C-alpha cells in the first residue's frame, strides 16, 4: 500500500501541491487525469506530471487516468480497499479495473516427457505401464541397473 510517509521529500511536496489544488473528497481509488496532474505541476513551476506517478503501471486506471493513494494518506483518510471511489478528476471517466486471470498450468501426473528422454521408452508404451512399473523403471535407472 502506498502511503504519504513512504515518499521522498520532493514527492511529498507534489502531494502537498495536489492537496492544495484539489478540494474534492478523495480515497485510495480517486483517479486523476494525466492532464490534471500536469496542470498542477505546471501551475507550480514543474514542466511535467511526475514520472513516479505516470510511469508507474500499478497506478493506471484507464487511458490517461492514475490513482494517487498518497493524497488520501496525506489527508488522513482511512485507505480501505473495499470502499467505492468517491471522486474522479479528469477528462474521461474512470475505467473499470481489468480482472486478470492467470493461465492454467497443467502438470502431467506421470513423468511422460522424462521417460521418453531418459528411460528410452516411447510415450505410448509408457502410458500403458502401471504406476508401480514406472516407479520400478525409474528406480532401476537411478541405480544404473537398467
Protein backbone atom coordinates (compact mmCIF):
# COMPACT_ATOMS: atom_id res chain seq x y z
CA UNK A 1 0.00 0.00 0.00
CA UNK A 2 1.30 3.43 -0.94
CA UNK A 3 1.29 5.97 1.86
CA UNK A 4 2.48 9.55 2.12
CA UNK A 5 5.14 8.91 4.77
CA UNK A 6 6.97 6.46 2.48
CA UNK A 7 7.56 9.11 -0.19
CA UNK A 8 10.75 11.08 -0.83
CA UNK A 9 10.69 14.80 0.09
CA UNK A 10 10.10 16.04 -3.50
CA UNK A 11 7.29 13.50 -3.93
CA UNK A 12 5.73 14.67 -0.67
CA UNK A 13 5.97 18.26 -1.93
CA UNK A 14 3.99 17.32 -5.06
CA UNK A 15 1.31 15.61 -2.96
CA UNK A 16 1.02 18.83 -0.92
CA UNK A 17 0.62 20.81 -4.17
CA UNK A 18 -2.03 18.36 -5.35
CA UNK A 19 -3.80 18.68 -2.00
CA UNK A 20 -3.98 22.46 -2.37
CA UNK A 21 -5.17 22.23 -5.98
CA UNK A 22 -7.83 19.55 -5.50
CA UNK A 23 -10.52 20.38 -2.97
CA UNK A 24 -12.73 17.34 -3.63
CA UNK A 25 -13.14 14.26 -1.49
CA UNK A 26 -10.51 11.59 -2.05
CA UNK A 27 -9.93 7.98 -1.20
CA UNK A 28 -7.34 5.45 -2.28
CA UNK A 29 -9.12 4.89 -5.63
CA UNK A 30 -9.63 8.51 -6.66
CA UNK A 31 -8.29 8.96 -10.19
CA UNK A 32 -6.61 11.95 -11.76
CA UNK A 33 -6.04 12.53 -15.47
CA UNK A 34 -2.53 13.00 -16.79
CA UNK A 35 -3.60 16.46 -17.94
CA UNK A 36 -4.73 17.44 -14.45
CA UNK A 37 -1.51 16.14 -12.88
CA UNK A 38 0.49 18.10 -15.48
CA UNK A 39 -1.61 21.24 -14.88
CA UNK A 40 -0.91 21.08 -11.14
CA UNK A 41 2.78 20.65 -11.92
CA UNK A 42 2.83 23.50 -14.48
CA UNK A 43 0.98 25.87 -12.15
CA UNK A 44 3.79 25.33 -9.66
CA UNK A 45 6.77 25.69 -12.00
CA UNK A 46 7.23 22.00 -12.83
CA UNK A 47 7.35 21.10 -16.54
CA UNK A 48 5.71 17.67 -16.47
CA UNK A 49 3.42 15.46 -14.44
CA UNK A 50 5.57 13.46 -12.01
CA UNK A 51 7.11 10.39 -13.65
CA UNK A 52 6.83 8.45 -10.38
CA UNK A 53 3.06 8.63 -10.89
CA UNK A 54 2.52 8.48 -14.66
CA UNK A 55 5.22 5.88 -15.38
CA UNK A 56 4.09 3.51 -12.62
CA UNK A 57 1.84 0.94 -14.32
CA UNK A 58 0.32 -0.10 -10.99
CA UNK A 59 -1.33 3.35 -10.82
CA UNK A 60 -3.02 3.21 -14.24
CA UNK A 61 -6.82 3.01 -14.14
CA UNK A 62 -7.60 3.53 -17.78
CA UNK A 63 -6.14 5.58 -20.58
CA UNK A 64 -4.51 8.62 -19.03
CA UNK A 65 -6.07 8.03 -15.59
CA UNK A 66 -3.96 7.42 -12.48
CA UNK A 67 -4.60 6.76 -8.80
CA UNK A 68 -2.64 8.69 -6.19
CA UNK A 69 -3.47 6.98 -2.86
CA UNK A 70 -0.79 9.05 -1.14
CA UNK A 71 -3.15 12.06 -1.29
CA UNK A 72 -5.73 10.17 0.76
CA UNK A 73 -2.98 9.10 3.14
CA UNK A 74 -1.77 12.72 3.43
CA UNK A 75 -5.30 13.87 4.24
CA UNK A 76 -5.62 11.16 6.86
CA UNK A 77 -8.33 9.24 5.03
CA UNK A 78 -8.67 5.59 6.01
CA UNK A 79 -7.49 3.69 2.94
CA UNK A 80 -9.90 0.78 2.80
CA UNK A 81 -9.84 -1.15 -0.48
CA UNK A 82 -13.45 -2.33 -0.04
CA UNK A 83 -14.92 1.17 -0.39
CA UNK A 84 -16.11 2.57 -3.71
CA UNK A 85 -14.31 5.58 -5.21
CA UNK A 86 -15.83 8.87 -4.16
CA UNK A 87 -14.49 11.28 -6.77
CA UNK A 88 -12.74 11.26 -10.10
CA UNK A 89 -10.94 14.15 -11.71
CA UNK A 90 -10.09 14.43 -15.37
CA UNK A 91 -11.37 14.50 -18.90
CA UNK A 92 -12.59 10.91 -19.07
CA UNK A 93 -14.45 8.71 -16.57
CA UNK A 94 -12.52 6.08 -14.69
CA UNK A 95 -12.35 2.77 -16.48
CA UNK A 96 -13.42 -0.35 -14.63
CA UNK A 97 -10.44 -2.35 -13.36
CA UNK A 98 -9.47 -5.22 -15.61
CA UNK A 99 -9.51 -8.57 -13.88
CA UNK A 100 -6.65 -10.74 -14.97
CA UNK A 101 -6.70 -14.49 -14.70
CA UNK A 102 -3.51 -16.46 -14.52
CA UNK A 103 -3.22 -19.05 -17.26
CA UNK A 104 -3.96 -22.59 -16.19
CA UNK A 105 -0.82 -24.66 -15.95
CA UNK A 106 -1.28 -28.36 -16.49
CA UNK A 107 1.29 -30.67 -14.99
CA UNK A 108 1.22 -34.29 -16.16
CA UNK A 109 0.55 -36.81 -13.42
CA UNK A 110 3.28 -39.08 -14.76
CA UNK A 111 6.75 -38.06 -16.00
CA UNK A 112 5.97 -38.84 -19.65
CA UNK A 113 8.49 -36.49 -21.23
CA UNK A 114 11.22 -37.57 -18.81
CA UNK A 115 10.51 -41.23 -19.65
CA UNK A 116 10.84 -40.59 -23.38
CA UNK A 117 14.21 -38.96 -22.99
CA UNK A 118 15.74 -40.77 -20.04
CA UNK A 119 14.30 -44.23 -19.95
CA UNK A 120 14.21 -44.88 -23.70
CA UNK A 121 10.51 -45.74 -23.71
CA UNK A 122 8.13 -44.10 -26.15
CA UNK A 123 5.14 -42.13 -24.92
CA UNK A 124 2.51 -44.70 -25.91
CA UNK A 125 4.30 -47.59 -24.17
CA UNK A 126 5.00 -45.52 -21.05
CA UNK A 127 1.29 -44.68 -20.74
CA UNK A 128 0.41 -48.39 -20.69
CA UNK A 129 2.61 -49.10 -17.66
CA UNK A 130 1.22 -49.02 -14.15
CA UNK A 131 2.50 -46.53 -11.60
CA UNK A 132 4.40 -49.35 -9.87
CA UNK A 133 6.09 -50.37 -13.14
CA UNK A 134 7.03 -46.78 -13.89
CA UNK A 135 8.46 -46.36 -10.40
CA UNK A 136 10.42 -49.62 -10.79
CA UNK A 137 11.91 -48.47 -14.11
CA UNK A 138 12.80 -45.09 -12.64
CA UNK A 139 14.44 -46.73 -9.62
CA UNK A 140 16.44 -49.12 -11.83
CA UNK A 141 17.71 -46.25 -13.96
CA UNK A 142 18.62 -44.31 -10.84
CA UNK A 143 20.67 -47.30 -9.63
CA UNK A 144 22.19 -47.78 -13.06
CA UNK A 145 20.81 -51.34 -13.34
CA UNK A 146 18.58 -50.97 -16.41
